[in-house]
Amino acid sequence: MIKHSELSSASLKIQIKNKEINLAGNSHLKIYGTLGCKSEKRLKKENRVFFQSESAALEAGFRPCGNCLKEEYRKWIYSIKI
């Protein structure tokens, strides 16, 4: 997990281009989603974190976004109901 507040704009762009960052999350709500998600774009910089993979986000205790990752969210909801 990489905090947005610890990255410069140039460093962030390079890491996204090099596929070192693929997902973004909300550190307070523990939700992760795609970099292009409408919900992700509204996050405050101090609450935004980045992940390289879905498994890294899940290991950190985050859940999928119901807006941009609908199928993953459904699977997650089903897994916690069992």
PDB file of N, CA and C in Angstrom:
ATOM      1  N   MET A   1       0.853  -1.176   0.000  1.00  0.00           N
ATOM      2  CA  MET A   1       0.000   0.000   0.000  1.00  0.00           C
ATOM      3  C   MET A   1       0.896   1.235   0.000  1.00  0.00           C
ATOM      4  N   ILE A   2       0.598   2.146  -0.899  1.00  0.00           N
ATOM      5  CA  ILE A   2       1.363   3.383  -1.034  1.00  0.00           C
ATOM      6  C   ILE A   2       0.418   4.556  -0.788  1.00  0.00           C
ATOM      7  N   LYS A   3       0.770   5.440   0.121  1.00  0.00           N
ATOM      8  CA  LYS A   3      -0.060   6.610   0.397  1.00  0.00           C
ATOM      9  C   LYS A   3       0.187   7.684  -0.658  1.00  0.00           C
ATOM     10  N   HIS A   4      -0.899   8.277  -1.142  1.00  0.00           N
ATOM     11  CA  HIS A   4      -0.797   9.330  -2.153  1.00  0.00           C
ATOM     12  C   HIS A   4      -0.033  10.534  -1.620  1.00  0.00           C
ATOM     13  N   SER A   5      -0.216  10.839  -0.360  1.00  0.00           N
ATOM     14  CA  SER A   5       0.435  12.011   0.227  1.00  0.00           C
ATOM     15  C   SER A   5       1.958  11.871   0.257  1.00  0.00           C
ATOM     16  N   GLU A   6       2.470  10.647   0.104  1.00  0.00           N
ATOM     17  CA  GLU A   6       3.915  10.411   0.127  1.00  0.00           C
ATOM     18  C   GLU A   6       4.542  10.409  -1.272  1.00  0.00           C
ATOM     19  N   LEU A   7       3.734  10.634  -2.311  1.00  0.00           N
ATOM     20  CA  LEU A   7       4.223  10.606  -3.688  1.00  0.00           C
ATOM     21  C   LEU A   7       4.162  11.985  -4.325  1.00  0.00           C
ATOM     22  N   SER A   8       5.134  12.273  -5.151  1.00  0.00           N
ATOM     23  CA  SER A   8       5.054  13.482  -5.967  1.00  0.00           C
ATOM     24  C   SER A   8       4.216  13.163  -7.202  1.00  0.00           C
ATOM     25  N   SER A   9       3.739  14.165  -7.881  1.00  0.00           N
ATOM     26  CA  SER A   9       2.937  13.954  -9.086  1.00  0.00           C
ATOM     27  C   SER A   9       3.731  13.199 -10.144  1.00  0.00           C
ATOM     28  N   ALA A  10       5.002  13.561 -10.314  1.00  0.00           N
ATOM     29  CA  ALA A  10       5.854  12.906 -11.312  1.00  0.00           C
ATOM     30  C   ALA A  10       6.067  11.434 -10.966  1.00  0.00           C
ATOM     31  N   SER A  11       6.328  11.150  -9.699  1.00  0.00           N
ATOM     32  CA  SER A  11       6.538   9.781  -9.251  1.00  0.00           C
ATOM     33  C   SER A  11       5.274   8.939  -9.450  1.00  0.00           C
ATOM     34  N   LEU A  12       4.125   9.517  -9.155  1.00  0.00           N
ATOM     35  CA  LEU A  12       2.858   8.824  -9.328  1.00  0.00           C
ATOM     36  C   LEU A  12       2.644   8.457 -10.797  1.00  0.00           C
ATOM     37  N   LYS A  13       2.855   9.407 -11.684  1.00  0.00           N
ATOM     38  CA  LYS A  13       2.675   9.154 -13.113  1.00  0.00           C
ATOM     39  C   LYS A  13       3.607   8.053 -13.615  1.00  0.00           C
ATOM     40  N   ILE A  14       4.838   8.068 -13.165  1.00  0.00           N
ATOM     41  CA  ILE A  14       5.811   7.049 -13.571  1.00  0.00           C
ATOM     42  C   ILE A  14       5.379   5.676 -13.078  1.00  0.00           C
ATOM     43  N   GLN A  15       4.942   5.583 -11.829  1.00  0.00           N
ATOM     44  CA  GLN A  15       4.533   4.294 -11.270  1.00  0.00           C
ATOM     45  C   GLN A  15       3.285   3.744 -11.951  1.00  0.00           C
ATOM     46  N   ILE A  16       2.366   4.615 -12.329  1.00  0.00           N
ATOM     47  CA  ILE A  16       1.171   4.170 -13.066  1.00  0.00           C
ATOM     48  C   ILE A  16       1.585   3.684 -14.453  1.00  0.00           C
ATOM     49  N   LYS A  17       2.449   4.431 -15.113  1.00  0.00           N
ATOM     50  CA  LYS A  17       2.913   4.058 -16.454  1.00  0.00           C
ATOM     51  C   LYS A  17       3.647   2.724 -16.429  1.00  0.00           C
ATOM     52  N   ASN A  18       4.429   2.475 -15.384  1.00  0.00           N
ATOM     53  CA  ASN A  18       5.196   1.227 -15.254  1.00  0.00           C
ATOM     54  C   ASN A  18       4.387   0.093 -14.643  1.00  0.00           C
ATOM     55  N   LYS A  19       3.070   0.300 -14.465  1.00  0.00           N
ATOM     56  CA  LYS A  19       2.164  -0.705 -13.900  1.00  0.00           C
ATOM     57  C   LYS A  19       2.524  -1.107 -12.469  1.00  0.00           C
ATOM     58  N   GLU A  20       3.198  -0.222 -11.741  1.00  0.00           N
ATOM     59  CA  GLU A  20       3.490  -0.464 -10.332  1.00  0.00           C
ATOM     60  C   GLU A  20       2.297  -0.086  -9.468  1.00  0.00           C
ATOM     61  N   ILE A  21       1.401   0.733 -10.015  1.00  0.00           N
ATOM     62  CA  ILE A  21       0.160   1.133  -9.356  1.00  0.00           C
ATOM     63  C   ILE A  21      -0.972   0.829 -10.329  1.00  0.00           C
ATOM     64  N   ASN A  22      -1.934  -0.002  -9.882  1.00  0.00           N
ATOM     65  CA  ASN A  22      -3.053  -0.383 -10.738  1.00  0.00           C
ATOM     66  C   ASN A  22      -4.420  -0.086 -10.134  1.00  0.00           C
ATOM     67  N   LEU A  23      -4.451   0.068  -8.820  1.00  0.00           N
ATOM     68  CA  LEU A  23      -5.707   0.297  -8.112  1.00  0.00           C
ATOM     69  C   LEU A  23      -5.525   1.403  -7.079  1.00  0.00           C
ATOM     70  N   ALA A  24      -6.633   2.054  -6.750  1.00  0.00           N
ATOM     71  CA  ALA A  24      -6.603   3.098  -5.721  1.00  0.00           C
ATOM     72  C   ALA A  24      -7.637   2.753  -4.655  1.00  0.00           C
ATOM     73  N   GLY A  25      -7.410   3.255  -3.451  1.00  0.00           N
ATOM     74  CA  GLY A  25      -8.339   2.963  -2.375  1.00  0.00           C
ATOM     75  C   GLY A  25      -8.538   4.130  -1.433  1.00  0.00           C
ATOM     76  N   ASN A  26      -9.566   4.001  -0.603  1.00  0.00           N
ATOM     77  CA  ASN A  26      -9.881   4.988   0.425  1.00  0.00           C
ATOM     78  C   ASN A  26      -9.429   4.396   1.760  1.00  0.00           C
ATOM     79  N   SER A  27      -8.441   5.007   2.385  1.00  0.00           N
ATOM     80  CA  SER A  27      -7.868   4.456   3.613  1.00  0.00           C
ATOM     81  C   SER A  27      -8.835   4.487   4.796  1.00  0.00           C
ATOM     82  N   HIS A  28      -9.817   5.377   4.783  1.00  0.00           N
ATOM     83  CA  HIS A  28     -10.765   5.453   5.897  1.00  0.00           C
ATOM     84  C   HIS A  28     -11.911   4.453   5.729  1.00  0.00           C
ATOM     85  N   LEU A  29     -12.415   4.312   4.523  1.00  0.00           N
ATOM     86  CA  LEU A  29     -13.534   3.402   4.280  1.00  0.00           C
ATOM     87  C   LEU A  29     -13.079   1.987   3.946  1.00  0.00           C
ATOM     88  N   LYS A  30     -11.783   1.811   3.678  1.00  0.00           N
ATOM     89  CA  LYS A  30     -11.207   0.505   3.330  1.00  0.00           C
ATOM     90  C   LYS A  30     -11.860  -0.070   2.072  1.00  0.00           C
ATOM     91  N   ILE A  31     -11.985   0.769   1.028  1.00  0.00           N
ATOM     92  CA  ILE A  31     -12.544   0.366  -0.256  1.00  0.00           C
ATOM     93  C   ILE A  31     -11.492   0.624  -1.328  1.00  0.00           C
ATOM     94  N   TYR A  32     -11.346  -0.319  -2.282  1.00  0.00           N
ATOM     95  CA  TYR A  32     -10.426  -0.105  -3.395  1.00  0.00           C
ATOM     96  C   TYR A  32     -11.173  -0.234  -4.716  1.00  0.00           C
ATOM     97  N   GLY A  33     -10.648   0.429  -5.744  1.00  0.00           N
ATOM     98  CA  GLY A  33     -11.260   0.380  -7.073  1.00  0.00           C
ATOM     99  C   GLY A  33     -10.258   0.746  -8.150  1.00  0.00           C
ATOM    100  N   THR A  34     -10.768   0.895  -9.356  1.00  0.00           N
ATOM    101  CA  THR A  34      -9.910   1.225 -10.493  1.00  0.00           C
ATOM    102  C   THR A  34      -9.461   2.679 -10.421  1.00  0.00           C
ATOM    103  N   LEU A  35      -8.410   2.984 -11.141  1.00  0.00           N
ATOM    104  CA  LEU A  35      -7.890   4.355 -11.145  1.00  0.00           C
ATOM    105  C   LEU A  35      -8.844   5.330 -11.827  1.00  0.00           C
ATOM    106  N   GLY A  36      -9.714   4.843 -12.702  1.00  0.00           N
ATOM    107  CA  GLY A  36     -10.646   5.711 -13.421  1.00  0.00           C
ATOM    108  C   GLY A  36     -12.024   5.816 -12.803  1.00  0.00           C
ATOM    109  N   CYS A  37     -12.240   5.211 -11.654  1.00  0.00           N
ATOM    110  CA  CYS A  37     -13.547   5.208 -11.000  1.00  0.00           C
ATOM    111  C   CYS A  37     -13.946   6.628 -10.565  1.00  0.00           C
ATOM    112  N   LYS A  38     -15.218   6.958 -10.748  1.00  0.00           N
ATOM    113  CA  LYS A  38     -15.715   8.276 -10.328  1.00  0.00           C
ATOM    114  C   LYS A  38     -15.529   8.486  -8.833  1.00  0.00           C
ATOM    115  N   SER A  39     -15.774   7.448  -8.054  1.00  0.00           N
ATOM    116  CA  SER A  39     -15.626   7.555  -6.601  1.00  0.00           C
ATOM    117  C   SER A  39     -14.182   7.822  -6.218  1.00  0.00           C
ATOM    118  N   GLU A  40     -13.256   7.158  -6.899  1.00  0.00           N
ATOM    119  CA  GLU A  40     -11.825   7.315  -6.607  1.00  0.00           C
ATOM    120  C   GLU A  40     -11.363   8.728  -6.916  1.00  0.00           C
ATOM    121  N   LYS A  41     -11.874   9.303  -7.983  1.00  0.00           N
ATOM    122  CA  LYS A  41     -11.448  10.643  -8.393  1.00  0.00           C
ATOM    123  C   LYS A  41     -11.869  11.722  -7.399  1.00  0.00           C
ATOM    124  N   ARG A  42     -12.875  11.438  -6.568  1.00  0.00           N
ATOM    125  CA  ARG A  42     -13.361  12.426  -5.593  1.00  0.00           C
ATOM    126  C   ARG A  42     -12.641  12.351  -4.252  1.00  0.00           C
ATOM    127  N   LEU A  43     -11.766  11.368  -4.091  1.00  0.00           N
ATOM    128  CA  LEU A  43     -11.078  11.195  -2.811  1.00  0.00           C
ATOM    129  C   LEU A  43     -10.121  12.342  -2.512  1.00  0.00           C
ATOM    130  N   LYS A  44     -10.005  12.657  -1.257  1.00  0.00           N
ATOM    131  CA  LYS A  44      -8.989  13.608  -0.823  1.00  0.00           C
ATOM    132  C   LYS A  44      -7.636  12.927  -0.889  1.00  0.00           C
ATOM    133  N   LYS A  45      -6.622  13.681  -1.212  1.00  0.00           N
ATOM    134  CA  LYS A  45      -5.274  13.140  -1.347  1.00  0.00           C
ATOM    135  C   LYS A  45      -4.812  12.425  -0.078  1.00  0.00           C
ATOM    136  N   GLU A  46      -5.151  12.964   1.073  1.00  0.00           N
ATOM    137  CA  GLU A  46      -4.693  12.365   2.333  1.00  0.00           C
ATOM    138  C   GLU A  46      -5.397  11.037   2.648  1.00  0.00           C
ATOM    139  N   ASN A  47      -6.529  10.750   1.989  1.00  0.00           N
ATOM    140  CA  ASN A  47      -7.252   9.493   2.211  1.00  0.00           C
ATOM    141  C   ASN A  47      -6.970   8.448   1.129  1.00  0.00           C
ATOM    142  N   ARG A  48      -6.290   8.833   0.054  1.00  0.00           N
ATOM    143  CA  ARG A  48      -6.077   7.945  -1.090  1.00  0.00           C
ATOM    144  C   ARG A  48      -4.811   7.113  -0.913  1.00  0.00           C
ATOM    145  N   VAL A  49      -4.947   5.823  -1.184  1.00  0.00           N
ATOM    146  CA  VAL A  49      -3.814   4.899  -1.179  1.00  0.00           C
ATOM    147  C   VAL A  49      -3.831   4.136  -2.508  1.00  0.00           C
ATOM    148  N   PHE A  50      -2.684   3.568  -2.857  1.00  0.00           N
ATOM    149  CA  PHE A  50      -2.569   2.842  -4.118  1.00  0.00           C
ATOM    150  C   PHE A  50      -2.085   1.427  -3.875  1.00  0.00           C
ATOM    151  N   PHE A  51      -2.491   0.525  -4.777  1.00  0.00           N
ATOM    152  CA  PHE A  51      -2.099  -0.870  -4.706  1.00  0.00           C
ATOM    153  C   PHE A  51      -1.627  -1.339  -6.074  1.00  0.00           C
ATOM    154  N   GLN A  52      -0.723  -2.312  -6.058  1.00  0.00           N
ATOM    155  CA  GLN A  52      -0.258  -2.893  -7.310  1.00  0.00           C
ATOM    156  C   GLN A  52      -1.234  -3.949  -7.805  1.00  0.00           C
ATOM    157  N   SER A  53      -1.887  -4.650  -6.881  1.00  0.00           N
ATOM    158  CA  SER A  53      -2.773  -5.737  -7.284  1.00  0.00           C
ATOM    159  C   SER A  53      -3.991  -5.827  -6.373  1.00  0.00           C
ATOM    160  N   GLU A  54      -4.974  -6.573  -6.858  1.00  0.00           N
ATOM    161  CA  GLU A  54      -6.185  -6.798  -6.076  1.00  0.00           C
ATOM    162  C   GLU A  54      -5.861  -7.605  -4.814  1.00  0.00           C
ATOM    163  N   SER A  55      -4.956  -8.567  -4.941  1.00  0.00           N
ATOM    164  CA  SER A  55      -4.601  -9.379  -3.777  1.00  0.00           C
ATOM    165  C   SER A  55      -3.941  -8.531  -2.685  1.00  0.00           C
ATOM    166  N   ALA A  56      -3.145  -7.539  -3.081  1.00  0.00           N
ATOM    167  CA  ALA A  56      -2.516  -6.648  -2.097  1.00  0.00           C
ATOM    168  C   ALA A  56      -3.574  -5.829  -1.363  1.00  0.00           C
ATOM    169  N   ALA A  57      -4.588  -5.374  -2.087  1.00  0.00           N
ATOM    170  CA  ALA A  57      -5.672  -4.604  -1.463  1.00  0.00           C
ATOM    171  C   ALA A  57      -6.474  -5.472  -0.496  1.00  0.00           C
ATOM    172  N   LEU A  58      -6.784  -6.690  -0.911  1.00  0.00           N
ATOM    173  CA  LEU A  58      -7.539  -7.598  -0.055  1.00  0.00           C
ATOM    174  C   LEU A  58      -6.747  -7.972   1.193  1.00  0.00           C
ATOM    175  N   GLU A  59      -5.451  -8.209   1.037  1.00  0.00           N
ATOM    176  CA  GLU A  59      -4.599  -8.537   2.183  1.00  0.00           C
ATOM    177  C   GLU A  59      -4.518  -7.388   3.181  1.00  0.00           C
ATOM    178  N   ALA A  60      -4.649  -6.155   2.676  1.00  0.00           N
ATOM    179  CA  ALA A  60      -4.614  -4.979   3.546  1.00  0.00           C
ATOM    180  C   ALA A  60      -5.964  -4.729   4.213  1.00  0.00           C
ATOM    181  N   GLY A  61      -6.962  -5.575   3.924  1.00  0.00           N
ATOM    182  CA  GLY A  61      -8.268  -5.440   4.569  1.00  0.00           C
ATOM    183  C   GLY A  61      -9.246  -4.554   3.836  1.00  0.00           C
ATOM    184  N   PHE A  62      -9.000  -4.264   2.570  1.00  0.00           N
ATOM    185  CA  PHE A  62      -9.890  -3.425   1.771  1.00  0.00           C
ATOM    186  C   PHE A  62     -10.900  -4.302   1.042  1.00  0.00           C
ATOM    187  N   ARG A  63     -12.058  -3.728   0.710  1.00  0.00           N
ATOM    188  CA  ARG A  63     -13.078  -4.435  -0.057  1.00  0.00           C
ATOM    189  C   ARG A  63     -13.227  -3.786  -1.430  1.00  0.00           C
ATOM    190  N   PRO A  64     -13.739  -4.531  -2.419  1.00  0.00           N
ATOM    191  CA  PRO A  64     -13.920  -3.966  -3.761  1.00  0.00           C
ATOM    192  C   PRO A  64     -14.998  -2.877  -3.791  1.00  0.00           C
ATOM    193  N   CYS A  65     -14.838  -1.937  -4.681  1.00  0.00           N
ATOM    194  CA  CYS A  65     -15.808  -0.857  -4.898  1.00  0.00           C
ATOM    195  C   CYS A  65     -17.044  -1.421  -5.601  1.00  0.00           C
ATOM    196  N   GLY A  66     -18.207  -1.091  -5.115  1.00  0.00           N
ATOM    197  CA  GLY A  66     -19.446  -1.532  -5.736  1.00  0.00           C
ATOM    198  C   GLY A  66     -19.777  -0.762  -6.997  1.00  0.00           C
ATOM    199  N   ASN A  67     -19.076   0.315  -7.255  1.00  0.00           N
ATOM    200  CA  ASN A  67     -19.326   1.150  -8.427  1.00  0.00           C
ATOM    201  C   ASN A  67     -18.543   0.661  -9.649  1.00  0.00           C
ATOM    202  N   CYS A  68     -17.247   0.499  -9.520  1.00  0.00           N
ATOM    203  CA  CYS A  68     -16.411   0.165 -10.683  1.00  0.00           C
ATOM    204  C   CYS A  68     -16.008  -1.305 -10.750  1.00  0.00           C
ATOM    205  N   LEU A  69     -16.128  -2.030  -9.651  1.00  0.00           N
ATOM    206  CA  LEU A  69     -15.768  -3.451  -9.609  1.00  0.00           C
ATOM    207  C   LEU A  69     -16.977  -4.271  -9.164  1.00  0.00           C
ATOM    208  N   LYS A  70     -18.058  -4.148  -9.918  1.00  0.00           N
ATOM    209  CA  LYS A  70     -19.330  -4.754  -9.524  1.00  0.00           C
ATOM    210  C   LYS A  70     -19.237  -6.268  -9.318  1.00  0.00           C
ATOM    211  N   GLU A  71     -18.597  -6.971 -10.234  1.00  0.00           N
ATOM    212  CA  GLU A  71     -18.510  -8.428 -10.123  1.00  0.00           C
ATOM    213  C   GLU A  71     -17.675  -8.844  -8.911  1.00  0.00           C
ATOM    214  N   GLU A  72     -16.544  -8.194  -8.707  1.00  0.00           N
ATOM    215  CA  GLU A  72     -15.700  -8.492  -7.549  1.00  0.00           C
ATOM    216  C   GLU A  72     -16.436  -8.174  -6.247  1.00  0.00           C
ATOM    217  N   TYR A  73     -17.211  -7.080  -6.267  1.00  0.00           N
ATOM    218  CA  TYR A  73     -17.991  -6.690  -5.089  1.00  0.00           C
ATOM    219  C   TYR A  73     -19.036  -7.755  -4.761  1.00  0.00           C
ATOM    220  N   ARG A  74     -19.731  -8.264  -5.798  1.00  0.00           N
ATOM    221  CA  ARG A  74     -20.734  -9.312  -5.578  1.00  0.00           C
ATOM    222  C   ARG A  74     -20.093 -10.563  -4.969  1.00  0.00           C
ATOM    223  N   LYS A  75     -18.932 -10.932  -5.488  1.00  0.00           N
ATOM    224  CA  LYS A  75     -18.221 -12.100  -4.950  1.00  0.00           C
ATOM    225  C   LYS A  75     -17.823 -11.857  -3.492  1.00  0.00           C
ATOM    226  N   TRP A  76     -17.366 -10.646  -3.203  1.00  0.00           N
ATOM    227  CA  TRP A  76     -16.957 -10.303  -1.836  1.00  0.00           C
ATOM    228  C   TRP A  76     -18.148 -10.364  -0.887  1.00  0.00           C
ATOM    229  N   ILE A  77     -19.277  -9.779  -1.295  1.00  0.00           N
ATOM    230  CA  ILE A  77     -20.490  -9.786  -0.473  1.00  0.00           C
ATOM    231  C   ILE A  77     -20.915 -11.232  -0.216  1.00  0.00           C
ATOM    232  N   TYR A  78     -20.906 -12.044  -1.247  1.00  0.00           N
ATOM    233  CA  TYR A  78     -21.312 -13.440  -1.094  1.00  0.00           C
ATOM    234  C   TYR A  78     -20.376 -14.174  -0.133  1.00  0.00           C
ATOM    235  N   SER A  79     -19.086 -13.893  -0.205  1.00  0.00           N
ATOM    236  CA  SER A  79     -18.123 -14.592   0.642  1.00  0.00           C
ATOM    237  C   SER A  79     -18.283 -14.241   2.120  1.00  0.00           C
ATOM    238  N   ILE A  80     -18.728 -13.028   2.429  1.00  0.00           N
ATOM    239  CA  ILE A  80     -18.874 -12.660   3.844  1.00  0.00           C
ATOM    240  C   ILE A  80     -20.223 -13.108   4.405  1.00  0.00           C
ATOM    241  N   LYS A  81     -21.167 -13.424   3.538  1.00  0.00           N
ATOM    242  CA  LYS A  81     -22.482 -13.885   3.998  1.00  0.00           C
ATOM    243  C   LYS A  81     -22.464 -15.360   4.363  1.00  0.00           C
ATOM    244  N   ILE A  82     -21.462 -16.074   3.901  1.00  0.00           N
ATOM    245  CA  ILE A  82     -21.385 -17.526   4.159  1.00  0.00           C
ATOM    246  C   ILE A  82     -20.825 -17.822   5.513  1.00  0.00           C
TER     247      ILE A  82
END
